[in-house]
PDB file of N, CA and C in Angstrom:
ATOM      1  N   SER A   1       0.839  -1.185   0.000  1.00  0.00           N
ATOM      2  CA  SER A   1       0.000   0.000   0.000  1.00  0.00           C
ATOM      3  C   SER A   1       0.884   1.249   0.000  1.00  0.00           C
ATOM      4  N   ARG A   2       0.307   2.343  -0.342  1.00  0.00           N
ATOM      5  CA  ARG A   2       1.044   3.605  -0.353  1.00  0.00           C
ATOM      6  C   ARG A   2       1.542   3.978   1.045  1.00  0.00           C
ATOM      7  N   THR A   3       0.734   3.718   2.042  1.00  0.00           N
ATOM      8  CA  THR A   3       1.116   4.017   3.424  1.00  0.00           C
ATOM      9  C   THR A   3       2.322   3.181   3.849  1.00  0.00           C
ATOM     10  N   LEU A   4       2.329   1.904   3.482  1.00  0.00           N
ATOM     11  CA  LEU A   4       3.449   1.023   3.825  1.00  0.00           C
ATOM     12  C   LEU A   4       4.726   1.479   3.130  1.00  0.00           C
ATOM     13  N   LYS A   5       4.648   1.826   1.847  1.00  0.00           N
ATOM     14  CA  LYS A   5       5.815   2.332   1.119  1.00  0.00           C
ATOM     15  C   LYS A   5       6.378   3.574   1.798  1.00  0.00           C
ATOM     16  N   HIS A   6       5.496   4.488   2.171  1.00  0.00           N
ATOM     17  CA  HIS A   6       5.934   5.729   2.825  1.00  0.00           C
ATOM     18  C   HIS A   6       6.609   5.422   4.165  1.00  0.00           C
ATOM     19  N   ALA A   7       6.018   4.535   4.945  1.00  0.00           N
ATOM     20  CA  ALA A   7       6.567   4.199   6.263  1.00  0.00           C
ATOM     21  C   ALA A   7       7.961   3.572   6.146  1.00  0.00           C
ATOM     22  N   VAL A   8       8.145   2.659   5.189  1.00  0.00           N
ATOM     23  CA  VAL A   8       9.443   1.995   5.023  1.00  0.00           C
ATOM     24  C   VAL A   8      10.491   3.005   4.559  1.00  0.00           C
ATOM     25  N   ARG A   9      10.130   3.873   3.619  1.00  0.00           N
ATOM     26  CA  ARG A   9      11.084   4.876   3.121  1.00  0.00           C
ATOM     27  C   ARG A   9      11.376   5.948   4.157  1.00  0.00           C
ATOM     28  N   ALA A  10      10.430   6.244   5.036  1.00  0.00           N
ATOM     29  CA  ALA A  10      10.683   7.207   6.112  1.00  0.00           C
ATOM     30  C   ALA A  10      11.571   6.593   7.191  1.00  0.00           C
ATOM     31  N   ARG A  11      11.408   5.298   7.429  1.00  0.00           N
ATOM     32  CA  ARG A  11      12.205   4.600   8.442  1.00  0.00           C
ATOM     33  C   ARG A  11      13.682   4.596   8.068  1.00  0.00           C
ATOM     34  N   THR A  12      13.969   4.367   6.794  1.00  0.00           N
ATOM     35  CA  THR A  12      15.349   4.326   6.320  1.00  0.00           C
ATOM     36  C   THR A  12      15.432   5.207   5.083  1.00  0.00           C
ATOM     37  N   ALA A  13      16.084   6.338   5.200  1.00  0.00           N
ATOM     38  CA  ALA A  13      16.093   7.352   4.143  1.00  0.00           C
ATOM     39  C   ALA A  13      17.014   7.034   2.972  1.00  0.00           C
ATOM     40  N   ARG A  14      17.835   6.005   3.107  1.00  0.00           N
ATOM     41  CA  ARG A  14      18.791   5.639   2.048  1.00  0.00           C
ATOM     42  C   ARG A  14      18.755   4.132   1.808  1.00  0.00           C
ATOM     43  N   CYS A  15      19.453   3.693   0.783  1.00  0.00           N
ATOM     44  CA  CYS A  15      19.612   2.257   0.521  1.00  0.00           C
ATOM     45  C   CYS A  15      20.209   1.618   1.775  1.00  0.00           C
ATOM     46  N   THR A  16      19.756   0.429   2.096  1.00  0.00           N
ATOM     47  CA  THR A  16      20.218  -0.224   3.334  1.00  0.00           C
ATOM     48  C   THR A  16      21.570  -0.912   3.207  1.00  0.00           C
ATOM     49  N   ALA A  17      22.149  -0.929   2.009  1.00  0.00           N
ATOM     50  CA  ALA A  17      23.465  -1.551   1.843  1.00  0.00           C
ATOM     51  C   ALA A  17      24.537  -0.695   2.513  1.00  0.00           C
ATOM     52  N   PRO A  18      25.526  -1.311   3.124  1.00  0.00           N
ATOM     53  CA  PRO A  18      26.578  -0.565   3.803  1.00  0.00           C
ATOM     54  C   PRO A  18      27.304   0.389   2.853  1.00  0.00           C
ATOM     55  N   GLY A  19      27.360   1.661   3.229  1.00  0.00           N
ATOM     56  CA  GLY A  19      28.091   2.658   2.458  1.00  0.00           C
ATOM     57  C   GLY A  19      27.364   3.215   1.250  1.00  0.00           C
ATOM     58  N   CYS A  20      26.179   2.746   0.947  1.00  0.00           N
ATOM     59  CA  CYS A  20      25.443   3.249  -0.220  1.00  0.00           C
ATOM     60  C   CYS A  20      24.666   4.502   0.176  1.00  0.00           C
ATOM     61  N   GLY A  21      24.732   5.506  -0.659  1.00  0.00           N
ATOM     62  CA  GLY A  21      24.058   6.763  -0.358  1.00  0.00           C
ATOM     63  C   GLY A  21      22.817   7.017  -1.188  1.00  0.00           C
ATOM     64  N   ALA A  22      22.341   6.025  -1.939  1.00  0.00           N
ATOM     65  CA  ALA A  22      21.160   6.225  -2.783  1.00  0.00           C
ATOM     66  C   ALA A  22      19.945   6.565  -1.919  1.00  0.00           C
ATOM     67  N   GLN A  23      19.225   7.597  -2.292  1.00  0.00           N
ATOM     68  CA  GLN A  23      18.051   8.017  -1.539  1.00  0.00           C
ATOM     69  C   GLN A  23      16.934   6.987  -1.667  1.00  0.00           C
ATOM     70  N   ALA A  24      16.230   6.767  -0.577  1.00  0.00           N
ATOM     71  CA  ALA A  24      15.171   5.757  -0.529  1.00  0.00           C
ATOM     72  C   ALA A  24      14.086   6.005  -1.565  1.00  0.00           C
ATOM     73  N   VAL A  25      13.823   7.248  -1.857  1.00  0.00           N
ATOM     74  CA  VAL A  25      12.776   7.569  -2.828  1.00  0.00           C
ATOM     75  C   VAL A  25      13.097   6.991  -4.210  1.00  0.00           C
ATOM     76  N   HIS A  26      14.373   6.749  -4.493  1.00  0.00           N
ATOM     77  CA  HIS A  26      14.799   6.176  -5.769  1.00  0.00           C
ATOM     78  C   HIS A  26      15.094   4.679  -5.674  1.00  0.00           C
ATOM     79  N   CYS A  27      14.897   4.100  -4.509  1.00  0.00           N
ATOM     80  CA  CYS A  27      15.206   2.687  -4.280  1.00  0.00           C
ATOM     81  C   CYS A  27      13.994   1.792  -4.495  1.00  0.00           C
ATOM     82  N   ASP A  28      14.283   0.510  -4.715  1.00  0.00           N
ATOM     83  CA  ASP A  28      13.234  -0.505  -4.748  1.00  0.00           C
ATOM     84  C   ASP A  28      12.825  -0.809  -3.314  1.00  0.00           C
ATOM     85  N   LEU A  29      11.576  -1.200  -3.125  1.00  0.00           N
ATOM     86  CA  LEU A  29      11.178  -1.779  -1.851  1.00  0.00           C
ATOM     87  C   LEU A  29      11.353  -3.281  -2.034  1.00  0.00           C
ATOM     88  N   ASP A  30      12.193  -3.862  -1.227  1.00  0.00           N
ATOM     89  CA  ASP A  30      12.609  -5.243  -1.417  1.00  0.00           C
ATOM     90  C   ASP A  30      12.214  -6.096  -0.221  1.00  0.00           C
ATOM     91  N   HIS A  31      11.694  -7.289  -0.509  1.00  0.00           N
ATOM     92  CA  HIS A  31      11.419  -8.256   0.557  1.00  0.00           C
ATOM     93  C   HIS A  31      12.755  -8.848   1.014  1.00  0.00           C
ATOM     94  N   THR A  32      13.023  -8.823   2.294  1.00  0.00           N
ATOM     95  CA  THR A  32      14.240  -9.429   2.829  1.00  0.00           C
ATOM     96  C   THR A  32      14.186 -10.941   2.612  1.00  0.00           C
ATOM     97  N   LEU A  33      13.095 -11.546   2.993  1.00  0.00           N
ATOM     98  CA  LEU A  33      12.832 -12.952   2.716  1.00  0.00           C
ATOM     99  C   LEU A  33      11.928 -12.955   1.490  1.00  0.00           C
ATOM    100  N   ALA A  34      12.389 -13.537   0.409  1.00  0.00           N
ATOM    101  CA  ALA A  34      11.698 -13.440  -0.879  1.00  0.00           C
ATOM    102  C   ALA A  34      10.214 -13.810  -0.805  1.00  0.00           C
ATOM    103  N   TYR A  35       9.402 -13.007  -1.484  1.00  0.00           N
ATOM    104  CA  TYR A  35       7.982 -13.275  -1.615  1.00  0.00           C
ATOM    105  C   TYR A  35       7.811 -14.526  -2.472  1.00  0.00           C
ATOM    106  N   PRO A  36       6.933 -15.437  -2.196  1.00  0.00           N
ATOM    107  CA  PRO A  36       5.824 -15.392  -1.266  1.00  0.00           C
ATOM    108  C   PRO A  36       6.148 -15.898   0.139  1.00  0.00           C
ATOM    109  N   ALA A  37       7.354 -16.409   0.367  1.00  0.00           N
ATOM    110  CA  ALA A  37       7.710 -16.864   1.717  1.00  0.00           C
ATOM    111  C   ALA A  37       7.744 -15.688   2.695  1.00  0.00           C
ATOM    112  N   GLY A  38       8.243 -14.546   2.229  1.00  0.00           N
ATOM    113  CA  GLY A  38       8.297 -13.347   3.056  1.00  0.00           C
ATOM    114  C   GLY A  38       7.010 -12.556   2.936  1.00  0.00           C
ATOM    115  N   ILE A  39       6.522 -12.064   4.045  1.00  0.00           N
ATOM    116  CA  ILE A  39       5.267 -11.318   4.018  1.00  0.00           C
ATOM    117  C   ILE A  39       5.519  -9.849   3.688  1.00  0.00           C
ATOM    118  N   THR A  40       4.508  -9.183   3.196  1.00  0.00           N
ATOM    119  CA  THR A  40       4.628  -7.778   2.825  1.00  0.00           C
ATOM    120  C   THR A  40       4.232  -6.927   4.028  1.00  0.00           C
ATOM    121  N   CYS A  41       5.226  -6.600   4.852  1.00  0.00           N
ATOM    122  CA  CYS A  41       5.017  -5.775   6.039  1.00  0.00           C
ATOM    123  C   CYS A  41       6.332  -5.047   6.336  1.00  0.00           C
ATOM    124  N   GLN A  42       6.308  -4.114   7.280  1.00  0.00           N
ATOM    125  CA  GLN A  42       7.530  -3.385   7.633  1.00  0.00           C
ATOM    126  C   GLN A  42       8.624  -4.305   8.150  1.00  0.00           C
ATOM    127  N   CYS A  43       8.234  -5.434   8.703  1.00  0.00           N
ATOM    128  CA  CYS A  43       9.215  -6.370   9.263  1.00  0.00           C
ATOM    129  C   CYS A  43       9.973  -7.152   8.190  1.00  0.00           C
ATOM    130  N   ASP A  44       9.520  -7.084   6.926  1.00  0.00           N
ATOM    131  CA  ASP A  44      10.202  -7.825   5.864  1.00  0.00           C
ATOM    132  C   ASP A  44      10.558  -6.950   4.660  1.00  0.00           C
ATOM    133  N   LEU A  45      10.195  -5.679   4.675  1.00  0.00           N
ATOM    134  CA  LEU A  45      10.523  -4.782   3.567  1.00  0.00           C
ATOM    135  C   LEU A  45      11.650  -3.841   3.947  1.00  0.00           C
ATOM    136  N   ALA A  46      12.445  -3.472   2.949  1.00  0.00           N
ATOM    137  CA  ALA A  46      13.524  -2.507   3.155  1.00  0.00           C
ATOM    138  C   ALA A  46      13.826  -1.837   1.820  1.00  0.00           C
ATOM    139  N   THR A  47      14.497  -0.705   1.878  1.00  0.00           N
ATOM    140  CA  THR A  47      14.898   0.002   0.672  1.00  0.00           C
ATOM    141  C   THR A  47      16.245  -0.527   0.186  1.00  0.00           C
ATOM    142  N   ALA A  48      16.332  -0.743  -1.116  1.00  0.00           N
ATOM    143  CA  ALA A  48      17.598  -1.172  -1.720  1.00  0.00           C
ATOM    144  C   ALA A  48      17.662  -0.574  -3.117  1.00  0.00           C
ATOM    145  N   CYS A  49      18.770   0.088  -3.420  1.00  0.00           N
ATOM    146  CA  CYS A  49      18.932   0.609  -4.775  1.00  0.00           C
ATOM    147  C   CYS A  49      18.976  -0.593  -5.712  1.00  0.00           C
ATOM    148  N   ARG A  50      18.771  -0.359  -6.985  1.00  0.00           N
ATOM    149  CA  ARG A  50      18.704  -1.472  -7.939  1.00  0.00           C
ATOM    150  C   ARG A  50      19.972  -2.320  -7.902  1.00  0.00           C
ATOM    151  N   ARG A  51      21.137  -1.669  -7.798  1.00  0.00           N
ATOM    152  CA  ARG A  51      22.406  -2.414  -7.762  1.00  0.00           C
ATOM    153  C   ARG A  51      22.454  -3.371  -6.577  1.00  0.00           C
ATOM    154  N   HIS A  52      22.125  -2.862  -5.373  1.00  0.00           N
ATOM    155  CA  HIS A  52      22.211  -3.704  -4.182  1.00  0.00           C
ATOM    156  C   HIS A  52      21.057  -4.699  -4.095  1.00  0.00           C
ATOM    157  N   HIS A  53      19.944  -4.394  -4.721  1.00  0.00           N
ATOM    158  CA  HIS A  53      18.852  -5.365  -4.816  1.00  0.00           C
ATOM    159  C   HIS A  53      19.348  -6.590  -5.583  1.00  0.00           C
ATOM    160  N   ARG A  54      20.088  -6.342  -6.668  1.00  0.00           N
ATOM    161  CA  ARG A  54      20.644  -7.450  -7.466  1.00  0.00           C
ATOM    162  C   ARG A  54      21.769  -8.172  -6.730  1.00  0.00           C
ATOM    163  N   VAL A  55      22.613  -7.411  -6.020  1.00  0.00           N
ATOM    164  CA  VAL A  55      23.706  -8.022  -5.248  1.00  0.00           C
ATOM    165  C   VAL A  55      23.140  -9.001  -4.232  1.00  0.00           C
ATOM    166  N   LYS A  56      22.078  -8.580  -3.557  1.00  0.00           N
ATOM    167  CA  LYS A  56      21.456  -9.423  -2.529  1.00  0.00           C
ATOM    168  C   LYS A  56      21.034 -10.773  -3.098  1.00  0.00           C
ATOM    169  N   GLN A  57      20.658 -10.797  -4.358  1.00  0.00           N
ATOM    170  CA  GLN A  57      20.183 -12.027  -4.983  1.00  0.00           C
ATOM    171  C   GLN A  57      21.307 -12.858  -5.606  1.00  0.00           C
ATOM    172  N   ALA A  58      22.532 -12.323  -5.598  1.00  0.00           N
ATOM    173  CA  ALA A  58      23.670 -13.036  -6.185  1.00  0.00           C
ATOM    174  C   ALA A  58      24.090 -14.200  -5.280  1.00  0.00           C
ATOM    175  N   PRO A  59      24.656 -15.245  -5.875  1.00  0.00           N
ATOM    176  CA  PRO A  59      25.098 -16.398  -5.084  1.00  0.00           C
ATOM    177  C   PRO A  59      26.095 -16.005  -3.990  1.00  0.00           C
ATOM    178  N   GLY A  60      25.892 -16.551  -2.799  1.00  0.00           N
ATOM    179  CA  GLY A  60      26.803 -16.326  -1.696  1.00  0.00           C
ATOM    180  C   GLY A  60      26.425 -15.179  -0.774  1.00  0.00           C
ATOM    181  N   TRP A  61      25.580 -14.275  -1.230  1.00  0.00           N
ATOM    182  CA  TRP A  61      25.146 -13.145  -0.407  1.00  0.00           C
ATOM    183  C   TRP A  61      23.903 -13.528   0.375  1.00  0.00           C
ATOM    184  N   THR A  62      23.834 -13.053   1.628  1.00  0.00           N
ATOM    185  CA  THR A  62      22.603 -13.233   2.399  1.00  0.00           C
ATOM    186  C   THR A  62      22.266 -11.911   3.073  1.00  0.00           C
ATOM    187  N   LEU A  63      20.981 -11.717   3.275  1.00  0.00           N
ATOM    188  CA  LEU A  63      20.487 -10.522   3.943  1.00  0.00           C
ATOM    189  C   LEU A  63      19.407 -10.944   4.913  1.00  0.00           C
ATOM    190  N   THR A  64      19.544 -10.512   6.161  1.00  0.00           N
ATOM    191  CA  THR A  64      18.520 -10.777   7.166  1.00  0.00           C
ATOM    192  C   THR A  64      18.106  -9.454   7.784  1.00  0.00           C
ATOM    193  N   GLN A  65      16.910  -9.446   8.360  1.00  0.00           N
ATOM    194  CA  GLN A  65      16.390  -8.267   9.035  1.00  0.00           C
ATOM    195  C   GLN A  65      15.908  -8.720  10.416  1.00  0.00           C
ATOM    196  N   PRO A  66      16.832  -8.752  11.397  1.00  0.00           N
ATOM    197  CA  PRO A  66      16.477  -9.277  12.717  1.00  0.00           C
ATOM    198  C   PRO A  66      15.384  -8.473  13.420  1.00  0.00           C
ATOM    199  N   GLU A  67      15.291  -7.201  13.101  1.00  0.00           N
ATOM    200  CA  GLU A  67      14.187  -6.360  13.584  1.00  0.00           C
ATOM    201  C   GLU A  67      13.946  -5.300  12.519  1.00  0.00           C
ATOM    202  N   PRO A  68      12.747  -4.724  12.462  1.00  0.00           N
ATOM    203  CA  PRO A  68      12.432  -3.789  11.382  1.00  0.00           C
ATOM    204  C   PRO A  68      13.476  -2.679  11.223  1.00  0.00           C
ATOM    205  N   GLY A  69      14.045  -2.612  10.023  1.00  0.00           N
ATOM    206  CA  GLY A  69      15.022  -1.576   9.696  1.00  0.00           C
ATOM    207  C   GLY A  69      16.467  -1.920   9.972  1.00  0.00           C
ATOM    208  N   VAL A  70      16.729  -2.952  10.744  1.00  0.00           N
ATOM    209  CA  VAL A  70      18.103  -3.382  11.028  1.00  0.00           C
ATOM    210  C   VAL A  70      18.448  -4.468  10.005  1.00  0.00           C
ATOM    211  N   MET A  71      19.399  -4.146   9.139  1.00  0.00           N
ATOM    212  CA  MET A  71      19.731  -5.051   8.041  1.00  0.00           C
ATOM    213  C   MET A  71      21.121  -5.648   8.248  1.00  0.00           C
ATOM    214  N   ARG A  72      21.213  -6.954   8.143  1.00  0.00           N
ATOM    215  CA  ARG A  72      22.480  -7.655   8.324  1.00  0.00           C
ATOM    216  C   ARG A  72      22.876  -8.300   6.990  1.00  0.00           C
ATOM    217  N   TRP A  73      23.846  -7.678   6.318  1.00  0.00           N
ATOM    218  CA  TRP A  73      24.355  -8.141   5.027  1.00  0.00           C
ATOM    219  C   TRP A  73      25.543  -9.060   5.270  1.00  0.00           C
ATOM    220  N   THR A  74      25.551 -10.243   4.664  1.00  0.00           N
ATOM    221  CA  THR A  74      26.679 -11.167   4.762  1.00  0.00           C
ATOM    222  C   THR A  74      27.233 -11.401   3.363  1.00  0.00           C
ATOM    223  N   THR A  75      28.526 -11.123   3.196  1.00  0.00           N
ATOM    224  CA  THR A  75      29.191 -11.266   1.899  1.00  0.00           C
ATOM    225  C   THR A  75      29.524 -12.740   1.635  1.00  0.00           C
ATOM    226  N   PRO A  76      29.849 -13.078   0.397  1.00  0.00           N
ATOM    227  CA  PRO A  76      30.235 -14.466   0.110  1.00  0.00           C
ATOM    228  C   PRO A  76      31.427 -14.948   0.934  1.00  0.00           C
ATOM    229  N   SER A  77      32.304 -14.030   1.363  1.00  0.00           N
ATOM    230  CA  SER A  77      33.458 -14.432   2.169  1.00  0.00           C
ATOM    231  C   SER A  77      33.117 -14.591   3.653  1.00  0.00           C
ATOM    232  N   GLY A  78      31.863 -14.257   4.029  1.00  0.00           N
ATOM    233  CA  GLY A  78      31.440 -14.416   5.410  1.00  0.00           C
ATOM    234  C   GLY A  78      31.499 -13.153   6.256  1.00  0.00           C
ATOM    235  N   ARG A  79      31.968 -12.063   5.692  1.00  0.00           N
ATOM    236  CA  ARG A  79      32.028 -10.798   6.427  1.00  0.00           C
ATOM    237  C   ARG A  79      30.609 -10.253   6.613  1.00  0.00           C
ATOM    238  N   VAL A  80      30.310  -9.765   7.816  1.00  0.00           N
ATOM    239  CA  VAL A  80      28.967  -9.274   8.140  1.00  0.00           C
ATOM    240  C   VAL A  80      28.998  -7.761   8.342  1.00  0.00           C
ATOM    241  N   HIS A  81      28.034  -7.084   7.700  1.00  0.00           N
ATOM    242  CA  HIS A  81      27.869  -5.637   7.839  1.00  0.00           C
ATOM    243  C   HIS A  81      26.434  -5.383   8.275  1.00  0.00           C
ATOM    244  N   THR A  82      26.246  -4.560   9.293  1.00  0.00           N
ATOM    245  CA  THR A  82      24.907  -4.252   9.788  1.00  0.00           C
ATOM    246  C   THR A  82      24.616  -2.773   9.590  1.00  0.00           C
ATOM    247  N   THR A  83      23.430  -2.480   9.054  1.00  0.00           N
ATOM    248  CA  THR A  83      22.994  -1.091   8.905  1.00  0.00           C
ATOM    249  C   THR A  83      21.732  -0.894   9.739  1.00  0.00           C
ATOM    250  N   TYR A  84      21.491   0.351  10.116  1.00  0.00           N
ATOM    251  CA  TYR A  84      20.395   0.682  11.011  1.00  0.00           C
ATOM    252  C   TYR A  84      19.483   1.735  10.390  1.00  0.00           C
ATOM    253  N   PRO A  85      18.246   1.837  10.891  1.00  0.00           N
ATOM    254  CA  PRO A  85      17.328   2.850  10.369  1.00  0.00           C
ATOM    255  C   PRO A  85      17.884   4.264  10.597  1.00  0.00           C
ATOM    256  N   THR A  86      17.359   5.205   9.829  1.00  0.00           N
ATOM    257  CA  THR A  86      17.761   6.600   9.950  1.00  0.00           C
ATOM    258  C   THR A  86      17.370   7.154  11.312  1.00  0.00           C
ATOM    259  N   LYS A  87      18.290   7.912  11.927  1.00  0.00           N
ATOM    260  CA  LYS A  87      17.983   8.596  13.187  1.00  0.00           C
ATOM    261  C   LYS A  87      17.664  10.039  12.847  1.00  0.00           C
ATOM    262  N   TYR A  88      16.483  10.469  13.219  1.00  0.00           N
ATOM    263  CA  TYR A  88      16.048  11.836  12.952  1.00  0.00           C
ATOM    264  C   TYR A  88      16.214  12.683  14.199  1.00  0.00           C
ATOM    265  N   MET A  89      16.661  13.921  14.005  1.00  0.00           N
ATOM    266  CA  MET A  89      16.822  14.855  15.122  1.00  0.00           C
ATOM    267  C   MET A  89      15.503  15.622  15.292  1.00  0.00           C
ATOM    268  N   ILE A  90      15.082  15.786  16.497  1.00  0.00           N
ATOM    269  CA  ILE A  90      13.842  16.530  16.768  1.00  0.00           C
ATOM    270  C   ILE A  90      14.172  17.864  17.386  1.00  0.00           C
TER     271      ILE A  90
END
């Protein structure tokens, strides 16, 4: 839904891949656990630029979301990188 897309993009303002600066508004909304096994909710959706969306699907890469917005990327060599939702200043 439009509300869900807005909520996910507001939660994380950029691509969730480590070091990527692509703005969420230009990113794909990607299921962490591939649909239909993964449900369409904030707990399984995240922003990923097209490049990192494809990387995630490449052999040897894994991506988990232990809690909404916390993304754990594992490279084929086993190195783990964790990214977190955007922190907004009030």
